[in-house]
Amino acid sequence: LAAILWLAAMGMALWTLVGILEKKIITWNT
């Protein structure tokens, strides 16, 4: 159970990082 929660937390962190990177790339391109 703890491992599943840890993996879920890591997944959410990765998605938030990807979102921030995408926003930065979009602002750089425009």
N, C-alpha and C. Protein backbone atom coordinates (compact mmCIF):
# COMPACT_ATOMS: atom_id res chain seq x y z
N LEU A 1 0.85 -1.21 0.00
CA LEU A 1 0.00 0.00 0.00
C LEU A 1 0.88 1.25 0.00
N ALA A 2 1.86 1.28 0.88
CA ALA A 2 2.75 2.46 0.94
C ALA A 2 3.47 2.66 -0.39
N ALA A 3 3.89 1.55 -1.01
CA ALA A 3 4.61 1.64 -2.29
C ALA A 3 3.71 2.26 -3.36
N ILE A 4 2.44 1.87 -3.35
CA ILE A 4 1.50 2.40 -4.35
C ILE A 4 1.31 3.91 -4.15
N LEU A 5 1.18 4.32 -2.88
CA LEU A 5 1.02 5.75 -2.60
C LEU A 5 2.27 6.51 -3.01
N TRP A 6 3.46 5.90 -2.76
CA TRP A 6 4.72 6.56 -3.12
C TRP A 6 4.81 6.72 -4.64
N LEU A 7 4.44 5.66 -5.36
CA LEU A 7 4.47 5.73 -6.83
C LEU A 7 3.50 6.79 -7.33
N ALA A 8 2.34 6.87 -6.72
CA ALA A 8 1.34 7.87 -7.13
C ALA A 8 1.89 9.28 -6.89
N ALA A 9 2.54 9.48 -5.75
CA ALA A 9 3.10 10.79 -5.44
C ALA A 9 4.20 11.15 -6.44
N MET A 10 5.05 10.19 -6.78
CA MET A 10 6.11 10.44 -7.75
C MET A 10 5.51 10.77 -9.10
N GLY A 11 4.46 10.07 -9.50
CA GLY A 11 3.80 10.32 -10.78
C GLY A 11 3.22 11.74 -10.83
N MET A 12 2.60 12.15 -9.74
CA MET A 12 2.02 13.50 -9.69
C MET A 12 3.13 14.55 -9.78
N ALA A 13 4.24 14.31 -9.09
CA ALA A 13 5.36 15.25 -9.12
C ALA A 13 5.92 15.35 -10.54
N LEU A 14 6.03 14.20 -11.22
CA LEU A 14 6.55 14.20 -12.59
C LEU A 14 5.62 14.97 -13.51
N TRP A 15 4.31 14.76 -13.35
CA TRP A 15 3.35 15.45 -14.23
C TRP A 15 3.38 16.96 -13.99
N THR A 16 3.54 17.37 -12.71
CA THR A 16 3.58 18.81 -12.42
C THR A 16 4.85 19.41 -13.02
N LEU A 17 5.99 18.67 -12.94
CA LEU A 17 7.24 19.16 -13.52
C LEU A 17 7.10 19.29 -15.03
N VAL A 18 6.46 18.30 -15.65
CA VAL A 18 6.26 18.34 -17.10
C VAL A 18 5.40 19.54 -17.47
N GLY A 19 4.36 19.80 -16.69
CA GLY A 19 3.49 20.94 -16.96
C GLY A 19 4.24 22.26 -16.87
N ILE A 20 5.09 22.38 -15.84
CA ILE A 20 5.87 23.62 -15.67
C ILE A 20 6.83 23.78 -16.85
N LEU A 21 7.49 22.69 -17.24
CA LEU A 21 8.44 22.76 -18.35
C LEU A 21 7.72 23.15 -19.64
N GLU A 22 6.54 22.58 -19.86
CA GLU A 22 5.78 22.90 -21.07
C GLU A 22 5.40 24.37 -21.08
N LYS A 23 4.99 24.90 -19.94
CA LYS A 23 4.62 26.32 -19.87
C LYS A 23 5.83 27.19 -20.16
N LYS A 24 7.00 26.82 -19.63
CA LYS A 24 8.22 27.60 -19.88
C LYS A 24 8.58 27.56 -21.36
N ILE A 25 8.48 26.39 -21.97
CA ILE A 25 8.81 26.26 -23.40
C ILE A 25 7.84 27.10 -24.24
N ILE A 26 6.56 27.09 -23.86
CA ILE A 26 5.57 27.85 -24.62
C ILE A 26 5.88 29.35 -24.51
N THR A 27 6.23 29.80 -23.30
CA THR A 27 6.52 31.23 -23.13
C THR A 27 7.80 31.60 -23.87
N TRP A 28 8.77 30.68 -23.93
CA TRP A 28 10.01 30.97 -24.65
C TRP A 28 9.77 31.07 -26.16
N ASN A 29 8.90 30.19 -26.67
CA ASN A 29 8.66 30.14 -28.12
C ASN A 29 7.90 31.37 -28.60
N THR A 30 6.98 31.87 -27.78
CA THR A 30 6.16 32.99 -28.24
C THR A 30 6.90 34.31 -28.11
